């Protein structure tokens, strides 16, 4: 499909393409996180990859990056309304995955699926 002619579903899927984007969205779906906490929760991701994926999610309007003027600087990532909506819609895909023996959303939220990486 051409990006300019994508239907809504294809456009949504395109936004979460990438090895870590779904994991990042799942993690932020539970609470806002600082960069270090996200990196710790997503064992195996490099700082460079996490930063790149967060920038792309932010550019797509799924993640908000808030910088607090403190010393040291504090940056917190959270889902936007659009990102939270995508996570909610993903619930149907999670049910489908569970039906066909793929990792459950609970396993994903708890990081159990990361052991297989």
Protein backbone atom coordinates (compact mmCIF):
# COMPACT_ATOMS: atom_id res chain seq x y z
CA UNK A 1 0.00 0.00 0.00
CA UNK A 2 1.08 3.51 -0.71
CA UNK A 3 1.35 5.72 2.38
CA UNK A 4 -0.74 8.40 0.68
CA UNK A 5 -3.59 5.95 0.02
CA UNK A 6 -3.46 3.94 3.27
CA UNK A 7 -6.79 3.30 4.92
CA UNK A 8 -7.07 4.04 8.63
CA UNK A 9 -6.13 0.52 9.70
CA UNK A 10 -3.01 0.45 7.51
CA UNK A 11 -2.00 3.89 8.76
CA UNK A 12 -2.37 2.76 12.39
CA UNK A 13 -0.32 -0.38 11.75
CA UNK A 14 2.36 1.71 10.04
CA UNK A 15 2.62 3.89 13.17
CA UNK A 16 3.56 0.90 15.32
CA UNK A 17 5.94 -0.74 12.87
CA UNK A 18 9.27 -1.26 14.56
CA UNK A 19 10.66 -3.87 16.88
CA UNK A 20 10.00 -1.96 20.11
CA UNK A 21 7.09 0.41 19.48
CA UNK A 22 4.34 -1.91 20.69
CA UNK A 23 6.37 -2.73 23.81
CA UNK A 24 6.90 0.97 24.50
CA UNK A 25 3.18 1.71 24.05
CA UNK A 26 2.25 -1.18 26.36
CA UNK A 27 4.66 0.06 29.02
CA UNK A 28 3.41 3.65 28.77
CA UNK A 29 -0.16 2.34 28.88
CA UNK A 30 0.33 1.50 32.55
CA UNK A 31 1.94 4.81 33.61
CA UNK A 32 4.12 7.70 32.49
CA UNK A 33 7.80 6.80 32.53
CA UNK A 34 11.19 8.42 32.50
CA UNK A 35 13.69 7.29 29.85
CA UNK A 36 15.74 5.21 32.29
CA UNK A 37 12.66 3.41 33.62
CA UNK A 38 11.55 2.60 30.08
CA UNK A 39 15.00 1.28 29.21
CA UNK A 40 15.02 -0.87 32.34
CA UNK A 41 11.53 -2.23 31.63
CA UNK A 42 12.44 -3.09 28.03
CA UNK A 43 15.45 -5.30 28.63
CA UNK A 44 17.57 -5.66 25.53
CA UNK A 45 16.80 -2.29 23.95
CA UNK A 46 19.73 0.07 23.39
CA UNK A 47 19.54 3.72 24.41
CA UNK A 48 19.90 4.73 20.76
CA UNK A 49 17.01 2.48 19.65
CA UNK A 50 14.77 3.61 22.53
CA UNK A 51 15.43 7.27 21.73
CA UNK A 52 14.72 6.68 18.02
CA UNK A 53 11.49 4.78 18.66
CA UNK A 54 10.29 7.41 21.16
CA UNK A 55 11.01 10.20 18.65
CA UNK A 56 9.00 8.38 15.97
CA UNK A 57 6.09 7.71 18.35
CA UNK A 58 6.16 11.37 19.38
CA UNK A 59 6.21 12.50 15.73
CA UNK A 60 3.14 10.31 15.07
CA UNK A 61 1.32 11.93 17.99
CA UNK A 62 1.18 8.76 20.10
CA UNK A 63 3.64 9.75 22.83
CA UNK A 64 4.14 13.03 24.66
CA UNK A 65 7.59 14.10 25.89
CA UNK A 66 7.49 16.52 28.80
CA UNK A 67 10.69 18.22 29.99
CA UNK A 68 10.74 19.56 33.54
CA UNK A 69 13.15 22.39 34.31
CA UNK A 70 14.96 20.73 37.18
CA UNK A 71 18.58 19.95 37.86
CA UNK A 72 19.27 17.34 36.67
CA UNK A 73 16.80 17.65 33.81
CA UNK A 74 13.74 15.43 34.12
CA UNK A 75 12.00 14.09 31.01
CA UNK A 76 8.80 12.07 31.29
CA UNK A 77 7.10 10.16 28.47
CA UNK A 78 3.38 9.42 28.45
CA UNK A 79 0.69 8.40 26.00
CA UNK A 80 -1.26 11.12 24.27
CA UNK A 81 -5.02 10.77 23.89
CA UNK A 82 -4.31 9.34 20.45
CA UNK A 83 -1.81 6.84 21.88
CA UNK A 84 -4.19 5.78 24.63
CA UNK A 85 -6.90 5.30 22.03
CA UNK A 86 -4.61 3.11 19.97
CA UNK A 87 -3.77 1.03 23.05
CA UNK A 88 -7.49 0.62 23.76
CA UNK A 89 -8.17 -0.43 20.18
CA UNK A 90 -5.30 -2.90 20.39
CA UNK A 91 -7.34 -4.80 22.97
CA UNK A 92 -9.20 -6.55 20.15
CA UNK A 93 -5.92 -7.58 18.57
CA UNK A 94 -4.76 -8.89 21.95
CA UNK A 95 -7.88 -11.05 22.21
CA UNK A 96 -7.25 -12.36 18.70
CA UNK A 97 -3.62 -13.14 19.59
CA UNK A 98 -4.63 -15.01 22.74
CA UNK A 99 -7.20 -17.02 20.77
CA UNK A 100 -4.43 -18.24 18.47
CA UNK A 101 -1.86 -19.01 21.17
CA UNK A 102 0.26 -15.88 20.91
CA UNK A 103 1.50 -14.08 24.06
CA UNK A 104 -1.35 -12.54 26.03
CA UNK A 105 -1.54 -8.83 26.71
CA UNK A 106 -0.98 -9.59 30.40
CA UNK A 107 2.24 -11.42 29.53
CA UNK A 108 3.26 -8.49 27.37
CA UNK A 109 2.51 -5.97 30.13
CA UNK A 110 4.53 -8.08 32.58
CA UNK A 111 7.43 -8.44 30.15
CA UNK A 112 7.20 -12.24 29.89
CA UNK A 113 7.32 -12.07 26.09
CA UNK A 114 10.71 -10.35 26.25
CA UNK A 115 12.33 -13.53 27.55
CA UNK A 116 11.96 -15.01 24.07
CA UNK A 117 14.04 -12.24 22.43
